[in-house]
Protein backbone atom coordinates (compact mmCIF):
# COMPACT_ATOMS: atom_id res chain seq x y z
CA MET A 1 132.44 74.68 101.63
CA ALA A 2 129.83 75.53 99.02
CA GLU A 3 129.91 73.46 95.86
CA GLU A 4 130.98 75.12 92.64
CA PRO A 5 128.19 75.30 90.03
CA VAL A 6 128.44 72.87 87.15
CA LEU A 7 128.25 75.00 84.00
CA GLN A 8 127.04 73.23 80.88
CA HIS A 9 128.98 75.35 78.40
CA GLY A 10 132.63 76.15 78.16
CA ASP A 11 134.21 79.51 77.38
CA TRP A 12 131.48 81.94 78.37
CA ARG A 13 133.65 85.01 77.81
CA ARG A 14 134.25 84.03 74.18
CA ARG A 15 130.62 83.03 73.71
CA LEU A 16 129.25 86.31 75.07
CA ARG A 17 131.73 88.47 73.19
CA ALA A 18 130.63 86.86 69.93
CA LEU A 19 126.99 87.92 70.31
CA PRO A 20 125.77 90.80 68.11
CA VAL A 21 124.74 94.04 69.82
CA LEU A 22 123.22 97.38 68.85
CA GLU A 23 121.59 96.32 65.62
CA GLY A 24 118.60 97.98 63.98
CA ARG A 25 117.50 101.61 64.12
CA LEU A 26 120.18 103.72 65.80
CA ASP A 27 119.22 107.38 65.61
CA GLY A 28 121.56 108.78 68.23
CA LEU A 29 120.49 111.95 70.05
CA ASP A 30 120.34 115.57 68.97
CA VAL A 31 122.09 117.14 71.95
CA ALA A 32 121.42 120.61 70.55
CA ALA A 33 117.64 120.15 70.83
CA LEU A 34 117.11 118.91 74.38
CA PRO A 35 113.81 119.91 76.07
CA ALA A 36 113.69 122.05 79.19
CA HIS A 37 112.37 119.11 81.23
CA PRO A 38 113.91 115.63 80.81
CA LEU A 39 110.59 113.88 81.38
CA SER A 40 109.53 115.35 78.03
CA LEU A 41 112.34 113.41 76.37
CA LEU A 42 111.35 110.26 78.28
CA GLU A 43 107.79 110.73 77.02
CA GLU A 44 109.08 111.09 73.45
CA TRP A 45 111.20 107.94 73.65
CA LEU A 46 108.51 105.89 75.39
CA SER A 47 105.92 107.00 72.83
CA ALA A 48 108.25 106.03 69.98
CA ALA A 49 108.76 102.59 71.52
CA ILE A 50 104.99 102.09 71.83
CA ASP A 51 104.21 103.43 68.36
CA ASP A 52 106.86 101.20 66.77
CA GLY A 53 105.45 98.12 68.48
CA LEU A 54 108.48 97.33 70.62
CA PRO A 55 107.76 94.45 73.02
CA GLN A 56 106.83 95.48 76.55
CA PRO A 57 108.15 99.05 76.23
CA HIS A 58 106.87 99.95 79.70
CA VAL A 59 108.97 97.37 81.55
CA ALA A 60 111.68 98.86 83.77
CA ALA A 61 114.24 97.78 86.36
CA LEU A 62 113.78 99.26 89.83
CA ALA A 63 116.72 99.32 92.24
CA THR A 64 116.20 99.90 95.97
CA ALA A 65 118.33 99.66 99.08
CA GLY A 66 117.11 98.69 102.53
CA ALA A 67 118.07 99.95 105.96
CA ASP A 68 121.11 97.65 105.94
CA GLY A 69 122.35 99.05 102.64
CA ALA A 70 121.74 95.82 100.73
CA VAL A 71 120.72 96.62 97.16
CA ALA A 72 117.95 94.77 95.32
CA ASN A 73 116.83 95.05 91.73
CA ARG A 74 113.78 93.74 89.90
CA MET A 75 111.74 94.22 86.76
CA LEU A 76 108.31 95.86 86.95
CA ILE A 77 105.81 97.75 84.84
CA VAL A 78 105.65 101.54 84.70
CA LYS A 79 102.03 102.43 85.46
CA ASP A 80 101.94 106.13 84.68
CA LEU A 81 104.01 109.07 83.51
CA THR A 82 103.04 112.50 84.80
CA ALA A 83 104.54 115.97 84.48
CA ASP A 84 107.02 115.43 87.30
CA ALA A 85 107.18 111.70 88.05
CA VAL A 86 107.10 108.07 87.00
CA TRP A 87 104.67 105.72 88.76
CA PHE A 88 104.71 102.02 89.61
CA SER A 89 102.78 99.92 92.11
CA SER A 90 103.37 97.19 94.66
CA SER A 91 102.51 96.03 98.15
CA ALA A 92 104.02 98.02 100.99
CA ARG A 93 104.83 94.64 102.55
CA SER A 94 106.81 93.44 99.54
CA PRO A 95 110.63 93.60 99.64
CA LYS A 96 110.60 96.75 97.52
CA GLY A 97 107.95 98.32 99.76
CA VAL A 98 109.95 97.51 102.89
CA ASP A 99 113.09 98.94 101.29
CA LEU A 100 111.30 102.15 100.29
CA ALA A 101 109.86 102.60 103.78
CA ALA A 102 113.39 102.49 105.18
CA ASN A 103 115.09 104.38 102.35
CA PRO A 104 112.92 106.27 99.84
CA ARG A 105 115.78 106.76 97.37
CA ALA A 106 115.51 104.54 94.29
CA ALA A 107 116.68 104.22 90.70
CA LEU A 108 114.68 103.17 87.65
CA THR A 109 116.05 102.10 84.26
CA LEU A 110 114.20 101.65 80.97
CA TYR A 111 115.88 100.12 77.91
CA TRP A 112 114.59 99.77 74.37
CA ARG A 113 116.94 97.40 72.59
CA GLU A 114 115.51 97.88 69.11
CA HIS A 115 116.00 101.64 69.32
CA GLY A 116 119.32 101.50 71.15
CA ARG A 117 118.03 103.78 73.90
CA GLN A 118 118.31 103.74 77.68
CA VAL A 119 116.94 106.10 80.34
CA ARG A 120 118.06 106.11 83.97
CA LEU A 121 116.17 107.98 86.69
CA SER A 122 117.13 108.43 90.32
CA GLY A 123 115.12 110.22 92.95
CA THR A 124 112.75 109.95 95.88
CA VAL A 125 109.75 107.63 96.07
CA ASP A 126 106.51 108.21 97.94
CA ALA A 127 102.92 106.97 97.80
CA PRO A 128 100.95 110.22 97.98
CA SER A 129 97.40 109.15 97.16
CA THR A 130 95.20 106.44 98.63
CA GLU A 131 92.68 107.14 95.85
CA VAL A 132 95.25 106.50 93.11
CA SER A 133 96.43 103.37 94.93
CA ALA A 134 92.87 102.05 95.19
CA ALA A 135 92.11 102.78 91.53
CA ASP A 136 95.31 101.05 90.47
CA PHE A 137 94.43 97.97 92.51
CA ARG A 138 90.93 97.74 91.04
CA GLU A 139 92.35 97.90 87.50
CA ARG A 140 94.37 94.73 88.05
CA SER A 141 93.21 91.31 86.90
CA THR A 142 91.10 89.16 89.19
CA PHE A 143 94.00 86.75 89.68
CA ALA A 144 96.39 89.59 90.59
CA ARG A 145 93.93 91.13 93.06
CA ARG A 146 93.35 87.75 94.67
CA GLU A 147 97.11 87.24 95.08
CA MET A 148 97.54 90.68 96.62
CA LEU A 149 94.67 90.18 99.06
CA VAL A 150 96.65 87.19 100.34
CA ASP A 151 99.65 89.57 100.43
CA ARG A 152 102.48 87.07 100.86
CA GLN A 153 104.70 88.35 98.04
CA SER A 154 108.23 86.87 98.17
CA SER A 155 107.42 84.78 101.27
CA PRO A 156 108.28 81.06 101.15
CA ARG A 157 105.42 78.96 99.74
CA THR A 158 105.84 75.61 101.47
CA ASP A 159 102.26 74.36 101.94
CA GLU A 160 100.15 74.14 98.79
CA ALA A 161 97.01 73.22 100.72
CA GLU A 162 97.39 76.36 102.83
CA ALA A 163 98.08 78.43 99.70
CA ALA A 164 94.89 77.11 98.09
CA ARG A 165 92.91 77.94 101.21
CA LEU A 166 94.26 81.50 101.34
CA LEU A 167 93.53 82.08 97.65
CA GLU A 168 90.02 80.69 98.01
CA SER A 169 89.40 82.99 100.96
CA ALA A 170 90.64 85.96 98.94
CA GLN A 171 88.38 85.01 96.04
CA THR A 172 85.41 84.83 98.41
CA ALA A 173 86.23 88.33 99.62
CA LEU A 174 86.42 89.58 96.01
CA ASP A 175 83.12 87.96 95.12
CA ALA A 176 81.48 89.59 98.13
CA ASP A 177 82.96 93.02 97.40
CA PRO A 178 84.44 93.57 93.90
CA GLU A 179 85.62 97.03 95.03
CA ILE A 180 87.73 95.69 97.88
CA VAL A 181 91.35 96.93 97.99
CA ALA A 182 94.29 95.26 99.69
CA PRO A 183 95.24 97.53 102.62
CA SER A 184 98.95 97.38 101.78
CA TRP A 185 98.62 98.23 98.07
CA ARG A 186 100.44 101.38 97.01
CA ALA A 187 100.77 103.41 93.84
CA TYR A 188 104.33 104.65 94.18
CA ARG A 189 105.61 107.88 92.65
CA LEU A 190 109.29 108.28 91.76
CA THR A 191 110.12 111.98 91.48
CA PRO A 192 113.52 112.17 89.78
CA ASP A 193 116.23 114.65 90.61
CA ARG A 194 118.63 113.20 88.05
CA MET A 195 118.03 111.55 84.68
CA GLU A 196 120.48 110.14 82.17
CA PHE A 197 119.78 109.39 78.52
CA TRP A 198 121.94 107.14 76.37
CA ALA A 199 121.37 106.68 72.65
CA ALA A 200 123.31 104.35 70.40
CA ALA A 201 124.51 105.69 67.08
CA THR A 202 125.94 104.11 63.97
CA GLY A 203 129.70 103.66 64.20
CA ARG A 204 129.54 103.50 68.01
CA ALA A 205 129.57 107.31 68.28
CA HIS A 206 126.98 107.01 71.02
CA ASP A 207 125.40 109.98 72.80
CA ARG A 208 124.90 110.36 76.54
CA VAL A 209 123.46 113.32 78.43
CA ALA A 210 122.38 113.95 82.01
CA ALA A 211 119.83 116.30 83.53
CA THR A 212 120.11 117.32 87.19
CA ARG A 213 117.40 119.20 89.03
CA SER A 214 118.16 122.27 91.12
CA GLY A 215 114.96 123.60 92.67
CA GLU A 216 112.50 123.90 89.79
CA THR A 217 115.17 124.06 87.10
CA TRP A 218 116.85 121.24 85.21
CA HIS A 219 120.45 121.55 84.01
CA TRP A 220 121.70 119.46 81.10
CA GLU A 221 125.25 118.32 80.46
CA ARG A 222 126.82 116.04 77.90
CA LEU A 223 128.72 113.02 79.24
CA TRP A 224 131.42 110.79 77.91
CA THR A 225 129.90 107.46 76.97
């Protein structure tokens, strides 16, 4: 029988319920002025987060599911926003890459606490361009490129001497060819077919809307929060 964890604090329900939430600028959402394309609203909200100096406004949670249906979630950085998609990058051999090879459906969530705003996207992921993937890899730091040339992400690291040898070998390869690209590196594109926007408002009269794509057209609807 597995041992129960020893928690260091007592009544977690009471402790969590006592924490303040949804403080600061809460503008809500003008549901009468929604753009034709929901990515335009994502661009507006992301730009506002950047312009207002919110910490790490491009960090998002990516949820994937593998061939066995097991769901995994992790934080990553959004690398680009284009007219029809959101981009991120990873190794095709990473857990997320393996999941996406088996099941290209994924969901991405961005949250800006200080603005009380959340965006959820769900859609299909692909890696359409080797050129974009290569350029993305070359823009990474030397340390990050060295790690990805080793390409052992999420694998057990049990031998530090072996790890040092692998990293040294990768550094040698980088020194010999600064333009080298890890073969498994991918710039992934998530093309959404559904997006949800939630905006906190003073007095808890929050706003929530969804946009669903049908062909080339997006249809908006207001949701209960």
